[in-house]
Amino acid sequence: MDERQIFVGKKPVHLYVRAVVMAMESGDRTVRLTARGTAISTAVDAAELCRRRHGTIAAGLPETVHVRSVDISTEMTERRDGGGERGVSVINIVLEGEGDVPAQSEEE
């Protein structure tokens, strides 16, 4: 099963929720949110908003959205000052949508 991958960064959380909605509307019912470092909290917030279908943007998600898996790891990256390597935390949250996506309103 193919899954859409969304990289979470410094943008507001509602943009990532909208990206999940758009992916699921286009037929991808499995979406992976990937974040590193300080963006991890944004990825968790986006996943929870999608799971609870909270807000007007998330109302466009399938009837049920659940977290299929969460993977937490550390990537070793080169330090900017050239002083060797440092660890950066990484999270992968896989969301899965089940059921029908609500129909788009003709008035919008």
PDB file of N, CA and C in Angstrom:
ATOM      1  N   MET A   1       0.848  -1.180   0.000  1.00  0.00           N
ATOM      2  CA  MET A   1       0.000   0.000   0.000  1.00  0.00           C
ATOM      3  C   MET A   1       0.893   1.243   0.000  1.00  0.00           C
ATOM      4  N   ASP A   2       0.676   2.121  -1.000  1.00  0.00           N
ATOM      5  CA  ASP A   2       1.436   3.363  -1.072  1.00  0.00           C
ATOM      6  C   ASP A   2       0.892   4.352  -0.061  1.00  0.00           C
ATOM      7  N   GLU A   3       1.778   5.201   0.406  1.00  0.00           N
ATOM      8  CA  GLU A   3       1.351   6.230   1.344  1.00  0.00           C
ATOM      9  C   GLU A   3       1.961   7.561   0.945  1.00  0.00           C
ATOM     10  N   ARG A   4       1.239   8.609   1.185  1.00  0.00           N
ATOM     11  CA  ARG A   4       1.718   9.969   0.917  1.00  0.00           C
ATOM     12  C   ARG A   4       2.552  10.406   2.106  1.00  0.00           C
ATOM     13  N   GLN A   5       3.683  11.054   1.842  1.00  0.00           N
ATOM     14  CA  GLN A   5       4.526  11.547   2.927  1.00  0.00           C
ATOM     15  C   GLN A   5       4.467  13.068   2.952  1.00  0.00           C
ATOM     16  N   ILE A   6       4.223  13.612   4.144  1.00  0.00           N
ATOM     17  CA  ILE A   6       4.166  15.054   4.348  1.00  0.00           C
ATOM     18  C   ILE A   6       5.251  15.411   5.356  1.00  0.00           C
ATOM     19  N   PHE A   7       6.155  16.303   4.947  1.00  0.00           N
ATOM     20  CA  PHE A   7       7.220  16.750   5.837  1.00  0.00           C
ATOM     21  C   PHE A   7       6.729  17.963   6.616  1.00  0.00           C
ATOM     22  N   VAL A   8       6.778  17.870   7.927  1.00  0.00           N
ATOM     23  CA  VAL A   8       6.285  18.927   8.807  1.00  0.00           C
ATOM     24  C   VAL A   8       7.461  19.807   9.223  1.00  0.00           C
ATOM     25  N   GLY A   9       7.250  21.120   9.102  1.00  0.00           N
ATOM     26  CA  GLY A   9       8.307  22.068   9.447  1.00  0.00           C
ATOM     27  C   GLY A   9       7.790  23.169  10.354  1.00  0.00           C
ATOM     28  N   LYS A  10       8.084  24.423   9.987  1.00  0.00           N
ATOM     29  CA  LYS A  10       7.792  25.566  10.850  1.00  0.00           C
ATOM     30  C   LYS A  10       6.472  26.257  10.536  1.00  0.00           C
ATOM     31  N   LYS A  11       5.741  25.783   9.550  1.00  0.00           N
ATOM     32  CA  LYS A  11       4.481  26.442   9.181  1.00  0.00           C
ATOM     33  C   LYS A  11       3.398  26.154  10.224  1.00  0.00           C
ATOM     34  N   PRO A  12       2.306  26.915  10.198  1.00  0.00           N
ATOM     35  CA  PRO A  12       1.210  26.680  11.152  1.00  0.00           C
ATOM     36  C   PRO A  12       0.587  25.292  10.975  1.00  0.00           C
ATOM     37  N   VAL A  13       0.100  24.733  12.076  1.00  0.00           N
ATOM     38  CA  VAL A  13      -0.402  23.359  12.090  1.00  0.00           C
ATOM     39  C   VAL A  13      -1.565  23.158  11.119  1.00  0.00           C
ATOM     40  N   HIS A  14      -2.419  24.161  10.942  1.00  0.00           N
ATOM     41  CA  HIS A  14      -3.588  23.977  10.080  1.00  0.00           C
ATOM     42  C   HIS A  14      -3.194  23.708   8.625  1.00  0.00           C
ATOM     43  N   LEU A  15      -2.019  24.146   8.200  1.00  0.00           N
ATOM     44  CA  LEU A  15      -1.569  23.865   6.837  1.00  0.00           C
ATOM     45  C   LEU A  15      -1.250  22.381   6.656  1.00  0.00           C
ATOM     46  N   TYR A  16      -0.731  21.749   7.689  1.00  0.00           N
ATOM     47  CA  TYR A  16      -0.428  20.322   7.611  1.00  0.00           C
ATOM     48  C   TYR A  16      -1.705  19.491   7.700  1.00  0.00           C
ATOM     49  N   VAL A  17      -2.677  19.951   8.490  1.00  0.00           N
ATOM     50  CA  VAL A  17      -3.984  19.281   8.529  1.00  0.00           C
ATOM     51  C   VAL A  17      -4.613  19.356   7.144  1.00  0.00           C
ATOM     52  N   ARG A  18      -4.537  20.525   6.511  1.00  0.00           N
ATOM     53  CA  ARG A  18      -5.095  20.687   5.165  1.00  0.00           C
ATOM     54  C   ARG A  18      -4.383  19.781   4.172  1.00  0.00           C
ATOM     55  N   ALA A  19      -3.071  19.614   4.306  1.00  0.00           N
ATOM     56  CA  ALA A  19      -2.322  18.720   3.422  1.00  0.00           C
ATOM     57  C   ALA A  19      -2.793  17.274   3.569  1.00  0.00           C
ATOM     58  N   VAL A  20      -3.087  16.855   4.800  1.00  0.00           N
ATOM     59  CA  VAL A  20      -3.620  15.505   5.029  1.00  0.00           C
ATOM     60  C   VAL A  20      -4.996  15.373   4.386  1.00  0.00           C
ATOM     61  N   VAL A  21      -5.843  16.385   4.561  1.00  0.00           N
ATOM     62  CA  VAL A  21      -7.184  16.367   3.961  1.00  0.00           C
ATOM     63  C   VAL A  21      -7.071  16.249   2.445  1.00  0.00           C
ATOM     64  N   MET A  22      -6.213  17.049   1.832  1.00  0.00           N
ATOM     65  CA  MET A  22      -6.062  17.021   0.379  1.00  0.00           C
ATOM     66  C   MET A  22      -5.550  15.669  -0.104  1.00  0.00           C
ATOM     67  N   ALA A  23      -4.623  15.071   0.636  1.00  0.00           N
ATOM     68  CA  ALA A  23      -4.100  13.756   0.263  1.00  0.00           C
ATOM     69  C   ALA A  23      -5.196  12.701   0.315  1.00  0.00           C
ATOM     70  N   MET A  24      -6.008  12.741   1.370  1.00  0.00           N
ATOM     71  CA  MET A  24      -7.068  11.742   1.509  1.00  0.00           C
ATOM     72  C   MET A  24      -8.201  11.984   0.519  1.00  0.00           C
ATOM     73  N   GLU A  25      -8.475  13.244   0.188  1.00  0.00           N
ATOM     74  CA  GLU A  25      -9.485  13.541  -0.825  1.00  0.00           C
ATOM     75  C   GLU A  25      -9.064  13.028  -2.197  1.00  0.00           C
ATOM     76  N   SER A  26      -7.752  13.018  -2.454  1.00  0.00           N
ATOM     77  CA  SER A  26      -7.258  12.551  -3.753  1.00  0.00           C
ATOM     78  C   SER A  26      -7.108  11.033  -3.812  1.00  0.00           C
ATOM     79  N   GLY A  27      -7.460  10.341  -2.735  1.00  0.00           N
ATOM     80  CA  GLY A  27      -7.463   8.881  -2.761  1.00  0.00           C
ATOM     81  C   GLY A  27      -6.402   8.208  -1.920  1.00  0.00           C
ATOM     82  N   ASP A  28      -5.446   8.955  -1.393  1.00  0.00           N
ATOM     83  CA  ASP A  28      -4.418   8.365  -0.531  1.00  0.00           C
ATOM     84  C   ASP A  28      -4.977   8.252   0.877  1.00  0.00           C
ATOM     85  N   ARG A  29      -5.331   7.048   1.288  1.00  0.00           N
ATOM     86  CA  ARG A  29      -5.930   6.859   2.613  1.00  0.00           C
ATOM     87  C   ARG A  29      -4.886   6.616   3.690  1.00  0.00           C
ATOM     88  N   THR A  30      -3.613   6.495   3.312  1.00  0.00           N
ATOM     89  CA  THR A  30      -2.531   6.352   4.277  1.00  0.00           C
ATOM     90  C   THR A  30      -1.564   7.514   4.081  1.00  0.00           C
ATOM     91  N   VAL A  31      -1.331   8.273   5.147  1.00  0.00           N
ATOM     92  CA  VAL A  31      -0.484   9.464   5.086  1.00  0.00           C
ATOM     93  C   VAL A  31       0.545   9.395   6.204  1.00  0.00           C
ATOM     94  N   ARG A  32       1.801   9.678   5.854  1.00  0.00           N
ATOM     95  CA  ARG A  32       2.893   9.687   6.838  1.00  0.00           C
ATOM     96  C   ARG A  32       3.316  11.129   7.099  1.00  0.00           C
ATOM     97  N   LEU A  33       3.238  11.538   8.366  1.00  0.00           N
ATOM     98  CA  LEU A  33       3.749  12.842   8.790  1.00  0.00           C
ATOM     99  C   LEU A  33       5.156  12.629   9.333  1.00  0.00           C
ATOM    100  N   THR A  34       6.131  13.328   8.774  1.00  0.00           N
ATOM    101  CA  THR A  34       7.521  13.199   9.199  1.00  0.00           C
ATOM    102  C   THR A  34       8.014  14.543   9.696  1.00  0.00           C
ATOM    103  N   ALA A  35       8.608  14.558  10.882  1.00  0.00           N
ATOM    104  CA  ALA A  35       9.118  15.808  11.453  1.00  0.00           C
ATOM    105  C   ALA A  35      10.421  15.545  12.185  1.00  0.00           C
ATOM    106  N   ARG A  36      11.242  16.587  12.234  1.00  0.00           N
ATOM    107  CA  ARG A  36      12.523  16.515  12.942  1.00  0.00           C
ATOM    108  C   ARG A  36      12.614  17.656  13.941  1.00  0.00           C
ATOM    109  N   GLY A  37      13.292  17.408  15.042  1.00  0.00           N
ATOM    110  CA  GLY A  37      13.590  18.455  16.015  1.00  0.00           C
ATOM    111  C   GLY A  37      12.363  19.136  16.588  1.00  0.00           C
ATOM    112  N   THR A  38      12.377  20.470  16.549  1.00  0.00           N
ATOM    113  CA  THR A  38      11.299  21.239  17.176  1.00  0.00           C
ATOM    114  C   THR A  38       9.970  21.126  16.439  1.00  0.00           C
ATOM    115  N   ALA A  39       9.977  20.620  15.211  1.00  0.00           N
ATOM    116  CA  ALA A  39       8.731  20.461  14.452  1.00  0.00           C
ATOM    117  C   ALA A  39       7.939  19.227  14.897  1.00  0.00           C
ATOM    118  N   ILE A  40       8.512  18.410  15.771  1.00  0.00           N
ATOM    119  CA  ILE A  40       7.826  17.200  16.227  1.00  0.00           C
ATOM    120  C   ILE A  40       6.501  17.543  16.897  1.00  0.00           C
ATOM    121  N   SER A  41       6.469  18.578  17.715  1.00  0.00           N
ATOM    122  CA  SER A  41       5.219  18.934  18.397  1.00  0.00           C
ATOM    123  C   SER A  41       4.148  19.366  17.396  1.00  0.00           C
ATOM    124  N   THR A  42       4.537  20.017  16.312  1.00  0.00           N
ATOM    125  CA  THR A  42       3.578  20.406  15.273  1.00  0.00           C
ATOM    126  C   THR A  42       3.006  19.169  14.588  1.00  0.00           C
ATOM    127  N   ALA A  43       3.849  18.167  14.331  1.00  0.00           N
ATOM    128  CA  ALA A  43       3.383  16.930  13.703  1.00  0.00           C
ATOM    129  C   ALA A  43       2.400  16.192  14.609  1.00  0.00           C
ATOM    130  N   VAL A  44       2.694  16.157  15.901  1.00  0.00           N
ATOM    131  CA  VAL A  44       1.790  15.498  16.856  1.00  0.00           C
ATOM    132  C   VAL A  44       0.460  16.243  16.915  1.00  0.00           C
ATOM    133  N   ASP A  45       0.508  17.577  16.951  1.00  0.00           N
ATOM    134  CA  ASP A  45      -0.727  18.374  16.960  1.00  0.00           C
ATOM    135  C   ASP A  45      -1.548  18.123  15.700  1.00  0.00           C
ATOM    136  N   ALA A  46      -0.905  18.103  14.542  1.00  0.00           N
ATOM    137  CA  ALA A  46      -1.617  17.862  13.282  1.00  0.00           C
ATOM    138  C   ALA A  46      -2.253  16.474  13.277  1.00  0.00           C
ATOM    139  N   ALA A  47      -1.523  15.472  13.753  1.00  0.00           N
ATOM    140  CA  ALA A  47      -2.057  14.112  13.792  1.00  0.00           C
ATOM    141  C   ALA A  47      -3.269  14.022  14.711  1.00  0.00           C
ATOM    142  N   GLU A  48      -3.203  14.675  15.857  1.00  0.00           N
ATOM    143  CA  GLU A  48      -4.327  14.642  16.800  1.00  0.00           C
ATOM    144  C   GLU A  48      -5.540  15.391  16.258  1.00  0.00           C
ATOM    145  N   LEU A  49      -5.320  16.521  15.599  1.00  0.00           N
ATOM    146  CA  LEU A  49      -6.443  17.246  14.996  1.00  0.00           C
ATOM    147  C   LEU A  49      -7.116  16.397  13.923  1.00  0.00           C
ATOM    148  N   CYS A  50      -6.316  15.681  13.148  1.00  0.00           N
ATOM    149  CA  CYS A  50      -6.883  14.799  12.121  1.00  0.00           C
ATOM    150  C   CYS A  50      -7.607  13.616  12.757  1.00  0.00           C
ATOM    151  N   ARG A  51      -6.987  13.020  13.759  1.00  0.00           N
ATOM    152  CA  ARG A  51      -7.590  11.847  14.404  1.00  0.00           C
ATOM    153  C   ARG A  51      -8.937  12.191  15.027  1.00  0.00           C
ATOM    154  N   ARG A  52      -9.016  13.372  15.649  1.00  0.00           N
ATOM    155  CA  ARG A  52     -10.266  13.784  16.293  1.00  0.00           C
ATOM    156  C   ARG A  52     -11.202  14.506  15.330  1.00  0.00           C
ATOM    157  N   ARG A  53     -10.726  14.730  14.076  1.00  0.00           N
ATOM    158  CA  ARG A  53     -11.497  15.465  13.064  1.00  0.00           C
ATOM    159  C   ARG A  53     -11.985  16.784  13.648  1.00  0.00           C
ATOM    160  N   HIS A  54     -11.067  17.506  14.282  1.00  0.00           N
ATOM    161  CA  HIS A  54     -11.390  18.741  14.995  1.00  0.00           C
ATOM    162  C   HIS A  54     -11.204  19.948  14.075  1.00  0.00           C
ATOM    163  N   GLY A  55     -12.204  20.792  13.994  1.00  0.00           N
ATOM    164  CA  GLY A  55     -12.106  22.021  13.219  1.00  0.00           C
ATOM    165  C   GLY A  55     -12.722  21.896  11.838  1.00  0.00           C
ATOM    166  N   THR A  56     -12.909  23.032  11.187  1.00  0.00           N
ATOM    167  CA  THR A  56     -13.574  23.038   9.882  1.00  0.00           C
ATOM    168  C   THR A  56     -12.716  22.411   8.792  1.00  0.00           C
ATOM    169  N   ILE A  57     -11.411  22.572   8.867  1.00  0.00           N
ATOM    170  CA  ILE A  57     -10.541  21.976   7.848  1.00  0.00           C
ATOM    171  C   ILE A  57     -10.582  20.459   7.946  1.00  0.00           C
ATOM    172  N   ALA A  58     -10.473  19.920   9.153  1.00  0.00           N
ATOM    173  CA  ALA A  58     -10.438  18.472   9.355  1.00  0.00           C
ATOM    174  C   ALA A  58     -11.786  17.815   9.090  1.00  0.00           C
ATOM    175  N   ALA A  59     -12.849  18.591   8.953  1.00  0.00           N
ATOM    176  CA  ALA A  59     -14.163  18.011   8.658  1.00  0.00           C
ATOM    177  C   ALA A  59     -14.179  17.340   7.289  1.00  0.00           C
ATOM    178  N   GLY A  60     -13.213  17.636   6.431  1.00  0.00           N
ATOM    179  CA  GLY A  60     -13.130  17.019   5.111  1.00  0.00           C
ATOM    180  C   GLY A  60     -12.441  15.670   5.102  1.00  0.00           C
ATOM    181  N   LEU A  61     -12.090  15.154   6.266  1.00  0.00           N
ATOM    182  CA  LEU A  61     -11.424  13.853   6.360  1.00  0.00           C
ATOM    183  C   LEU A  61     -12.439  12.716   6.318  1.00  0.00           C
ATOM    184  N   PRO A  62     -11.976  11.494   6.050  1.00  0.00           N
ATOM    185  CA  PRO A  62     -12.877  10.339   6.101  1.00  0.00           C
ATOM    186  C   PRO A  62     -13.531  10.193   7.473  1.00  0.00           C
ATOM    187  N   GLU A  63     -14.562   9.342   7.534  1.00  0.00           N
ATOM    188  CA  GLU A  63     -15.340   9.155   8.764  1.00  0.00           C
ATOM    189  C   GLU A  63     -14.471   8.796   9.963  1.00  0.00           C
ATOM    190  N   THR A  64     -13.478   7.948   9.748  1.00  0.00           N
ATOM    191  CA  THR A  64     -12.590   7.523  10.830  1.00  0.00           C
ATOM    192  C   THR A  64     -11.143   7.716  10.398  1.00  0.00           C
ATOM    193  N   VAL A  65     -10.367   8.376  11.227  1.00  0.00           N
ATOM    194  CA  VAL A  65      -8.924   8.511  11.003  1.00  0.00           C
ATOM    195  C   VAL A  65      -8.248   8.000  12.260  1.00  0.00           C
ATOM    196  N   HIS A  66      -7.357   7.018  12.094  1.00  0.00           N
ATOM    197  CA  HIS A  66      -6.647   6.523  13.268  1.00  0.00           C
ATOM    198  C   HIS A  66      -5.144   6.503  13.003  1.00  0.00           C
ATOM    199  N   VAL A  67      -4.399   6.484  14.086  1.00  0.00           N
ATOM    200  CA  VAL A  67      -2.943   6.432  14.007  1.00  0.00           C
ATOM    201  C   VAL A  67      -2.552   4.970  13.862  1.00  0.00           C
ATOM    202  N   ARG A  68      -1.991   4.630  12.704  1.00  0.00           N
ATOM    203  CA  ARG A  68      -1.583   3.246  12.464  1.00  0.00           C
ATOM    204  C   ARG A  68      -0.267   2.935  13.160  1.00  0.00           C
ATOM    205  N   SER A  69       0.670   3.885  13.122  1.00  0.00           N
ATOM    206  CA  SER A  69       1.954   3.645  13.789  1.00  0.00           C
ATOM    207  C   SER A  69       2.650   4.969  14.088  1.00  0.00           C
ATOM    208  N   VAL A  70       3.528   4.902  15.078  1.00  0.00           N
ATOM    209  CA  VAL A  70       4.388   6.032  15.433  1.00  0.00           C
ATOM    210  C   VAL A  70       5.795   5.476  15.590  1.00  0.00           C
ATOM    211  N   ASP A  71       6.733   6.076  14.872  1.00  0.00           N
ATOM    212  CA  ASP A  71       8.121   5.636  14.938  1.00  0.00           C
ATOM    213  C   ASP A  71       8.977   6.824  15.363  1.00  0.00           C
ATOM    214  N   ILE A  72       9.741   6.648  16.417  1.00  0.00           N
ATOM    215  CA  ILE A  72      10.616   7.702  16.923  1.00  0.00           C
ATOM    216  C   ILE A  72      12.051   7.208  16.816  1.00  0.00           C
ATOM    217  N   SER A  73      12.911   8.051  16.248  1.00  0.00           N
ATOM    218  CA  SER A  73      14.306   7.654  16.089  1.00  0.00           C
ATOM    219  C   SER A  73      15.203   8.883  16.172  1.00  0.00           C
ATOM    220  N   THR A  74      16.489   8.647  16.014  1.00  0.00           N
ATOM    221  CA  THR A  74      17.476   9.721  16.015  1.00  0.00           C
ATOM    222  C   THR A  74      18.316   9.617  14.754  1.00  0.00           C
ATOM    223  N   GLU A  75      18.445  10.729  14.038  1.00  0.00           N
ATOM    224  CA  GLU A  75      19.320  10.793  12.868  1.00  0.00           C
ATOM    225  C   GLU A  75      20.592  11.521  13.265  1.00  0.00           C
ATOM    226  N   MET A  76      21.693  11.001  12.818  1.00  0.00           N
ATOM    227  CA  MET A  76      22.967  11.668  13.066  1.00  0.00           C
ATOM    228  C   MET A  76      23.256  12.585  11.884  1.00  0.00           C
ATOM    229  N   THR A  77      23.495  13.869  12.174  1.00  0.00           N
ATOM    230  CA  THR A  77      23.791  14.846  11.131  1.00  0.00           C
ATOM    231  C   THR A  77      25.098  15.562  11.459  1.00  0.00           C
ATOM    232  N   GLU A  78      25.712  16.089  10.418  1.00  0.00           N
ATOM    233  CA  GLU A  78      26.951  16.843  10.604  1.00  0.00           C
ATOM    234  C   GLU A  78      26.650  18.165  11.294  1.00  0.00           C
ATOM    235  N   ARG A  79      27.484  18.531  12.226  1.00  0.00           N
ATOM    236  CA  ARG A  79      27.325  19.820  12.906  1.00  0.00           C
ATOM    237  C   ARG A  79      27.710  20.942  11.949  1.00  0.00           C
ATOM    238  N   ARG A  80      27.028  22.063  12.067  1.00  0.00           N
ATOM    239  CA  ARG A  80      27.308  23.210  11.194  1.00  0.00           C
ATOM    240  C   ARG A  80      28.696  23.788  11.428  1.00  0.00           C
ATOM    241  N   ASP A  81      29.177  23.683  12.660  1.00  0.00           N
ATOM    242  CA  ASP A  81      30.496  24.245  12.967  1.00  0.00           C
ATOM    243  C   ASP A  81      31.629  23.276  12.639  1.00  0.00           C
ATOM    244  N   GLY A  82      31.280  22.123  12.046  1.00  0.00           N
ATOM    245  CA  GLY A  82      32.295  21.157  11.661  1.00  0.00           C
ATOM    246  C   GLY A  82      32.831  20.331  12.811  1.00  0.00           C
ATOM    247  N   GLY A  83      32.192  20.382  13.960  1.00  0.00           N
ATOM    248  CA  GLY A  83      32.665  19.683  15.149  1.00  0.00           C
ATOM    249  C   GLY A  83      32.163  18.257  15.287  1.00  0.00           C
ATOM    250  N   GLY A  84      31.982  17.536  14.208  1.00  0.00           N
ATOM    251  CA  GLY A  84      31.537  16.150  14.289  1.00  0.00           C
ATOM    252  C   GLY A  84      30.058  16.002  14.001  1.00  0.00           C
ATOM    253  N   GLU A  85      29.440  15.023  14.648  1.00  0.00           N
ATOM    254  CA  GLU A  85      28.028  14.737  14.414  1.00  0.00           C
ATOM    255  C   GLU A  85      27.190  15.077  15.641  1.00  0.00           C
ATOM    256  N   ARG A  86      25.904  15.292  15.388  1.00  0.00           N
ATOM    257  CA  ARG A  86      24.962  15.490  16.488  1.00  0.00           C
ATOM    258  C   ARG A  86      23.692  14.723  16.153  1.00  0.00           C
ATOM    259  N   GLY A  87      22.955  14.362  17.176  1.00  0.00           N
ATOM    260  CA  GLY A  87      21.714  13.623  16.988  1.00  0.00           C
ATOM    261  C   GLY A  87      20.518  14.557  16.877  1.00  0.00           C
ATOM    262  N   VAL A  88      19.630  14.261  15.938  1.00  0.00           N
ATOM    263  CA  VAL A  88      18.392  15.016  15.769  1.00  0.00           C
ATOM    264  C   VAL A  88      17.241  14.024  15.872  1.00  0.00           C
ATOM    265  N   SER A  89      16.290  14.300  16.756  1.00  0.00           N
ATOM    266  CA  SER A  89      15.136  13.419  16.922  1.00  0.00           C
ATOM    267  C   SER A  89      14.229  13.510  15.700  1.00  0.00           C
ATOM    268  N   VAL A  90      13.647  12.360  15.318  1.00  0.00           N
ATOM    269  CA  VAL A  90      12.755  12.273  14.162  1.00  0.00           C
ATOM    270  C   VAL A  90      11.526  11.479  14.569  1.00  0.00           C
ATOM    271  N   ILE A  91      10.350  11.912  14.110  1.00  0.00           N
ATOM    272  CA  ILE A  91       9.123  11.162  14.351  1.00  0.00           C
ATOM    273  C   ILE A  91       8.422  10.925  13.021  1.00  0.00           C
ATOM    274  N   ASN A  92       7.887   9.730  12.853  1.00  0.00           N
ATOM    275  CA  ASN A  92       7.052   9.374  11.715  1.00  0.00           C
ATOM    276  C   ASN A  92       5.712   8.909  12.271  1.00  0.00           C
ATOM    277  N   ILE A  93       4.645   9.599  11.897  1.00  0.00           N
ATOM    278  CA  ILE A  93       3.299   9.249  12.342  1.00  0.00           C
ATOM    279  C   ILE A  93       2.510   8.846  11.108  1.00  0.00           C
ATOM    280  N   VAL A  94       2.017   7.612  11.090  1.00  0.00           N
ATOM    281  CA  VAL A  94       1.241   7.135   9.948  1.00  0.00           C
ATOM    282  C   VAL A  94      -0.236   7.182  10.311  1.00  0.00           C
ATOM    283  N   LEU A  95      -0.991   7.970   9.541  1.00  0.00           N
ATOM    284  CA  LEU A  95      -2.441   8.097   9.718  1.00  0.00           C
ATOM    285  C   LEU A  95      -3.138   7.290   8.642  1.00  0.00           C
ATOM    286  N   GLU A  96      -4.244   6.675   9.023  1.00  0.00           N
ATOM    287  CA  GLU A  96      -5.017   5.882   8.070  1.00  0.00           C
ATOM    288  C   GLU A  96      -6.479   6.297   8.149  1.00  0.00           C
ATOM    289  N   GLY A  97      -7.054   6.610   7.005  1.00  0.00           N
ATOM    290  CA  GLY A  97      -8.450   7.020   6.939  1.00  0.00           C
ATOM    291  C   GLY A  97      -9.327   5.884   6.453  1.00  0.00           C
ATOM    292  N   GLU A  98     -10.469   5.709   7.102  1.00  0.00           N
ATOM    293  CA  GLU A  98     -11.430   4.673   6.712  1.00  0.00           C
ATOM    294  C   GLU A  98     -12.794   5.315   6.552  1.00  0.00           C
ATOM    295  N   GLY A  99     -13.526   4.877   5.549  1.00  0.00           N
ATOM    296  CA  GLY A  99     -14.857   5.421   5.314  1.00  0.00           C
ATOM    297  C   GLY A  99     -14.837   6.438   4.195  1.00  0.00           C
ATOM    298  N   ASP A 100     -15.991   7.042   3.980  1.00  0.00           N
ATOM    299  CA  ASP A 100     -16.152   7.994   2.889  1.00  0.00           C
ATOM    300  C   ASP A 100     -15.669   9.377   3.290  1.00  0.00           C
ATOM    301  N   VAL A 101     -15.125  10.077   2.296  1.00  0.00           N
ATOM    302  CA  VAL A 101     -14.767  11.480   2.473  1.00  0.00           C
ATOM    303  C   VAL A 101     -16.030  12.288   2.225  1.00  0.00           C
ATOM    304  N   PRO A 102     -16.369  13.238   3.107  1.00  0.00           N
ATOM    305  CA  PRO A 102     -17.578  14.045   2.897  1.00  0.00           C
ATOM    306  C   PRO A 102     -17.543  14.760   1.550  1.00  0.00           C
ATOM    307  N   ALA A 103     -18.702  14.845   0.900  1.00  0.00           N
ATOM    308  CA  ALA A 103     -18.796  15.505  -0.403  1.00  0.00           C
ATOM    309  C   ALA A 103     -18.534  16.994  -0.256  1.00  0.00           C
ATOM    310  N   GLN A 104     -17.873  17.560  -1.259  1.00  0.00           N
ATOM    311  CA  GLN A 104     -17.627  18.999  -1.279  1.00  0.00           C
ATOM    312  C   GLN A 104     -18.932  19.729  -1.543  1.00  0.00           C
ATOM    313  N   SER A 105     -19.152  20.819  -0.857  1.00  0.00           N
ATOM    314  CA  SER A 105     -20.349  21.630  -1.047  1.00  0.00           C
ATOM    315  C   SER A 105     -20.259  22.368  -2.376  1.00  0.00           C
ATOM    316  N   GLU A 106     -21.360  22.409  -3.132  1.00  0.00           N
ATOM    317  CA  GLU A 106     -21.394  23.093  -4.418  1.00  0.00           C
ATOM    318  C   GLU A 106     -21.321  24.602  -4.255  1.00  0.00           C
ATOM    319  N   GLU A 107     -21.657  25.129  -3.073  1.00  0.00           N
ATOM    320  CA  GLU A 107     -21.706  26.564  -2.843  1.00  0.00           C
ATOM    321  C   GLU A 107     -20.335  27.175  -2.633  1.00  0.00           C
ATOM    322  N   GLU A 108     -19.315  26.365  -2.355  1.00  0.00           N
ATOM    323  CA  GLU A 108     -17.983  26.901  -2.037  1.00  0.00           C
ATOM    324  C   GLU A 108     -17.255  27.344  -3.270  1.00  0.00           C
TER     325      GLU A 108
END
